[in-house]
């Protein structure tokens, strides 16, 4: 982003929102190298992986999950909710 774009963004969103966005971008550097459940490796340069994997951020903790683990978790949650 150039300076003009940053100023326009700061003005439109307000300083507080800009700071929150900066914190979230900084958390991207904390992204794990593998799935938190099955330890499958994650390649940041693979476009398909970037679009299909899920990132969960809770209380400053960044977790990464592969599509298979997310699917299994959703199936388990659906089964649990039915009973």
N, C-alpha and C. Protein backbone atom coordinates (compact mmCIF):
# COMPACT_ATOMS: atom_id res chain seq x y z
N UNK A 1 0.85 -1.18 0.00
CA UNK A 1 0.00 0.00 0.00
C UNK A 1 0.89 1.24 0.00
N UNK A 2 0.52 2.20 -0.76
CA UNK A 2 1.27 3.44 -0.72
C UNK A 2 0.67 4.36 0.35
N UNK A 3 1.31 5.48 0.55
CA UNK A 3 0.90 6.37 1.63
C UNK A 3 -0.51 6.91 1.43
N UNK A 4 -0.86 7.25 0.21
CA UNK A 4 -2.19 7.78 -0.07
C UNK A 4 -3.27 6.76 0.26
N UNK A 5 -3.04 5.51 -0.08
CA UNK A 5 -4.00 4.44 0.22
C UNK A 5 -4.10 4.21 1.72
N UNK A 6 -2.97 4.23 2.41
CA UNK A 6 -3.00 4.04 3.87
C UNK A 6 -3.77 5.16 4.55
N UNK A 7 -3.57 6.39 4.11
CA UNK A 7 -4.29 7.52 4.70
C UNK A 7 -5.79 7.41 4.44
N UNK A 8 -6.16 7.04 3.24
CA UNK A 8 -7.58 6.89 2.91
C UNK A 8 -8.21 5.77 3.74
N UNK A 9 -7.48 4.68 3.89
CA UNK A 9 -7.98 3.57 4.69
C UNK A 9 -8.13 3.98 6.16
N UNK A 10 -7.13 4.65 6.69
CA UNK A 10 -7.18 5.09 8.09
C UNK A 10 -8.33 6.05 8.31
N UNK A 11 -8.55 6.92 7.36
CA UNK A 11 -9.63 7.89 7.51
C UNK A 11 -10.99 7.21 7.43
N UNK A 12 -11.12 6.26 6.51
CA UNK A 12 -12.40 5.59 6.32
C UNK A 12 -12.73 4.65 7.47
N UNK A 13 -11.78 3.91 7.91
CA UNK A 13 -12.03 2.90 8.95
C UNK A 13 -11.80 3.41 10.36
N UNK A 14 -11.05 4.43 10.48
CA UNK A 14 -10.71 4.93 11.81
C UNK A 14 -9.43 4.29 12.29
N UNK A 15 -8.76 4.96 13.15
CA UNK A 15 -7.46 4.51 13.63
C UNK A 15 -7.55 3.17 14.37
N UNK A 16 -8.60 2.99 15.14
CA UNK A 16 -8.74 1.77 15.93
C UNK A 16 -8.87 0.54 15.03
N UNK A 17 -9.68 0.62 14.00
CA UNK A 17 -9.86 -0.50 13.09
C UNK A 17 -8.57 -0.80 12.33
N UNK A 18 -7.83 0.23 11.98
CA UNK A 18 -6.57 0.04 11.28
C UNK A 18 -5.58 -0.70 12.16
N UNK A 19 -5.54 -0.35 13.44
CA UNK A 19 -4.64 -1.03 14.37
C UNK A 19 -5.04 -2.50 14.53
N UNK A 20 -6.34 -2.79 14.58
CA UNK A 20 -6.79 -4.17 14.69
C UNK A 20 -6.40 -4.96 13.46
N UNK A 21 -6.52 -4.37 12.30
CA UNK A 21 -6.12 -5.02 11.06
C UNK A 21 -4.62 -5.30 11.06
N UNK A 22 -3.84 -4.36 11.52
CA UNK A 22 -2.38 -4.54 11.58
C UNK A 22 -2.01 -5.69 12.52
N UNK A 23 -2.72 -5.82 13.63
CA UNK A 23 -2.47 -6.92 14.55
C UNK A 23 -2.79 -8.27 13.90
N UNK A 24 -3.87 -8.33 13.14
CA UNK A 24 -4.25 -9.57 12.48
C UNK A 24 -3.26 -9.95 11.39
N UNK A 25 -2.76 -8.97 10.68
CA UNK A 25 -1.75 -9.24 9.66
C UNK A 25 -0.47 -9.73 10.32
N UNK A 26 -0.12 -9.16 11.46
CA UNK A 26 1.07 -9.60 12.19
C UNK A 26 0.91 -11.04 12.68
N UNK A 27 -0.31 -11.46 13.01
CA UNK A 27 -0.54 -12.83 13.45
C UNK A 27 -0.34 -13.83 12.33
N UNK A 28 -0.46 -13.37 11.08
CA UNK A 28 -0.24 -14.27 9.95
C UNK A 28 1.18 -14.80 9.96
N UNK A 29 2.12 -14.04 10.50
CA UNK A 29 3.51 -14.51 10.61
C UNK A 29 3.64 -15.63 11.64
N UNK A 30 2.67 -15.78 12.51
CA UNK A 30 2.68 -16.83 13.52
C UNK A 30 2.02 -18.11 13.03
N UNK A 31 1.65 -18.15 11.76
CA UNK A 31 0.95 -19.29 11.18
C UNK A 31 1.82 -20.55 11.27
N UNK A 32 1.27 -21.64 11.81
CA UNK A 32 2.04 -22.87 11.92
C UNK A 32 2.42 -23.45 10.56
N UNK A 33 3.35 -24.37 10.55
CA UNK A 33 3.83 -25.01 9.33
C UNK A 33 3.07 -26.28 8.98
N UNK A 34 2.18 -26.72 9.89
CA UNK A 34 1.47 -27.99 9.69
C UNK A 34 0.11 -27.96 10.37
N UNK A 35 -0.73 -28.92 9.99
CA UNK A 35 -2.05 -29.05 10.58
C UNK A 35 -1.91 -29.36 12.08
N UNK A 36 -2.74 -28.73 12.89
CA UNK A 36 -2.64 -28.92 14.33
C UNK A 36 -3.14 -30.29 14.77
N UNK A 37 -3.91 -30.98 13.93
CA UNK A 37 -4.47 -32.27 14.29
C UNK A 37 -3.67 -33.44 13.75
N UNK A 38 -3.42 -33.42 12.44
CA UNK A 38 -2.79 -34.59 11.81
C UNK A 38 -1.33 -34.35 11.42
N UNK A 39 -0.79 -33.18 11.64
CA UNK A 39 0.60 -32.82 11.34
C UNK A 39 0.95 -32.87 9.85
N UNK A 40 -0.06 -32.74 8.98
CA UNK A 40 0.22 -32.64 7.54
C UNK A 40 0.87 -31.28 7.28
N UNK A 41 1.92 -31.26 6.47
CA UNK A 41 2.65 -30.02 6.24
C UNK A 41 1.85 -29.07 5.36
N UNK A 42 2.05 -27.79 5.59
CA UNK A 42 1.35 -26.73 4.88
C UNK A 42 2.35 -25.93 4.07
N UNK A 43 2.04 -25.73 2.79
CA UNK A 43 2.92 -24.98 1.89
C UNK A 43 2.25 -23.65 1.58
N UNK A 44 2.83 -22.56 2.08
CA UNK A 44 2.25 -21.22 1.88
C UNK A 44 2.28 -20.80 0.41
N UNK A 45 3.12 -21.40 -0.38
CA UNK A 45 3.23 -21.01 -1.79
C UNK A 45 2.25 -21.75 -2.69
N UNK A 46 1.57 -22.78 -2.17
CA UNK A 46 0.60 -23.54 -2.94
C UNK A 46 -0.76 -22.86 -2.84
N UNK A 47 -1.25 -22.33 -3.95
CA UNK A 47 -2.49 -21.56 -3.95
C UNK A 47 -3.69 -22.40 -3.50
N UNK A 48 -3.74 -23.67 -3.93
CA UNK A 48 -4.85 -24.54 -3.53
C UNK A 48 -4.88 -24.76 -2.02
N UNK A 49 -3.69 -24.95 -1.43
CA UNK A 49 -3.63 -25.15 0.02
C UNK A 49 -4.07 -23.89 0.76
N UNK A 50 -3.62 -22.76 0.29
CA UNK A 50 -3.96 -21.49 0.95
C UNK A 50 -5.47 -21.27 0.93
N UNK A 51 -6.12 -21.64 -0.15
CA UNK A 51 -7.56 -21.42 -0.26
C UNK A 51 -8.39 -22.48 0.46
N UNK A 52 -7.86 -23.68 0.65
CA UNK A 52 -8.68 -24.76 1.22
C UNK A 52 -8.45 -24.99 2.71
N UNK A 53 -7.30 -24.64 3.23
CA UNK A 53 -7.02 -24.86 4.65
C UNK A 53 -7.71 -23.79 5.48
N UNK A 54 -7.95 -24.11 6.76
CA UNK A 54 -8.65 -23.18 7.66
C UNK A 54 -7.73 -22.69 8.76
N UNK A 55 -7.81 -21.40 9.01
CA UNK A 55 -7.04 -20.78 10.09
C UNK A 55 -8.03 -20.36 11.16
N UNK A 56 -7.74 -20.73 12.40
CA UNK A 56 -8.60 -20.37 13.53
C UNK A 56 -7.75 -19.58 14.51
N UNK A 57 -8.23 -18.38 14.87
CA UNK A 57 -7.52 -17.53 15.82
C UNK A 57 -8.41 -17.33 17.02
N UNK A 58 -7.93 -17.74 18.16
CA UNK A 58 -8.65 -17.56 19.42
C UNK A 58 -7.67 -17.05 20.47
N UNK A 59 -7.97 -15.91 21.02
CA UNK A 59 -7.17 -15.33 22.11
C UNK A 59 -5.68 -15.36 21.80
N UNK A 60 -5.30 -14.74 20.68
CA UNK A 60 -3.91 -14.59 20.28
C UNK A 60 -3.23 -15.91 19.87
N UNK A 61 -3.98 -17.02 19.84
CA UNK A 61 -3.43 -18.30 19.42
C UNK A 61 -3.89 -18.60 18.00
N UNK A 62 -2.92 -18.88 17.11
CA UNK A 62 -3.23 -19.15 15.71
C UNK A 62 -3.11 -20.65 15.48
N UNK A 63 -4.18 -21.24 14.94
CA UNK A 63 -4.19 -22.68 14.66
C UNK A 63 -4.51 -22.89 13.19
N UNK A 64 -3.94 -23.94 12.61
CA UNK A 64 -4.11 -24.24 11.21
C UNK A 64 -4.64 -25.66 11.06
N UNK A 65 -5.68 -25.84 10.22
CA UNK A 65 -6.29 -27.16 10.05
C UNK A 65 -6.44 -27.47 8.56
N UNK A 66 -6.16 -28.72 8.20
CA UNK A 66 -6.31 -29.16 6.82
C UNK A 66 -7.80 -29.43 6.53
N UNK A 67 -8.18 -29.50 5.26
CA UNK A 67 -9.59 -29.72 4.92
C UNK A 67 -10.15 -31.04 5.46
N UNK A 68 -9.32 -32.09 5.48
CA UNK A 68 -9.79 -33.39 5.99
C UNK A 68 -10.15 -33.30 7.48
N UNK A 69 -9.30 -32.65 8.25
CA UNK A 69 -9.56 -32.54 9.69
C UNK A 69 -10.79 -31.66 9.96
N UNK A 70 -10.95 -30.60 9.19
CA UNK A 70 -12.13 -29.74 9.34
C UNK A 70 -13.39 -30.53 9.02
N UNK A 71 -13.34 -31.33 7.95
CA UNK A 71 -14.50 -32.13 7.56
C UNK A 71 -14.86 -33.13 8.65
N UNK A 72 -13.86 -33.82 9.19
CA UNK A 72 -14.10 -34.79 10.26
C UNK A 72 -14.70 -34.11 11.48
N UNK A 73 -14.21 -32.94 11.81
CA UNK A 73 -14.72 -32.21 12.96
C UNK A 73 -16.17 -31.80 12.75
N UNK A 74 -16.49 -31.33 11.56
CA UNK A 74 -17.87 -30.93 11.27
C UNK A 74 -18.81 -32.13 11.31
N UNK A 75 -18.37 -33.27 10.79
CA UNK A 75 -19.20 -34.48 10.84
C UNK A 75 -19.45 -34.90 12.28
N UNK A 76 -18.42 -34.84 13.10
CA UNK A 76 -18.56 -35.21 14.51
C UNK A 76 -19.51 -34.25 15.22
N UNK A 77 -19.39 -32.96 14.93
CA UNK A 77 -20.27 -31.98 15.55
C UNK A 77 -21.71 -32.21 15.12
N UNK A 78 -21.95 -32.53 13.84
CA UNK A 78 -23.30 -32.78 13.35
C UNK A 78 -23.90 -34.02 14.02
N UNK A 79 -23.10 -35.06 14.17
CA UNK A 79 -23.57 -36.27 14.85
C UNK A 79 -23.91 -35.98 16.30
N UNK A 80 -23.09 -35.21 16.94
CA UNK A 80 -23.29 -34.88 18.35
C UNK A 80 -24.56 -34.03 18.55
N UNK A 81 -24.80 -33.12 17.63
CA UNK A 81 -25.97 -32.25 17.73
C UNK A 81 -27.26 -33.01 17.48
N UNK A 82 -27.23 -34.07 16.68
CA UNK A 82 -28.43 -34.85 16.39
C UNK A 82 -28.90 -35.65 17.60
N UNK A 83 -27.97 -36.03 18.46
CA UNK A 83 -28.35 -36.86 19.62
C UNK A 83 -28.72 -36.04 20.80
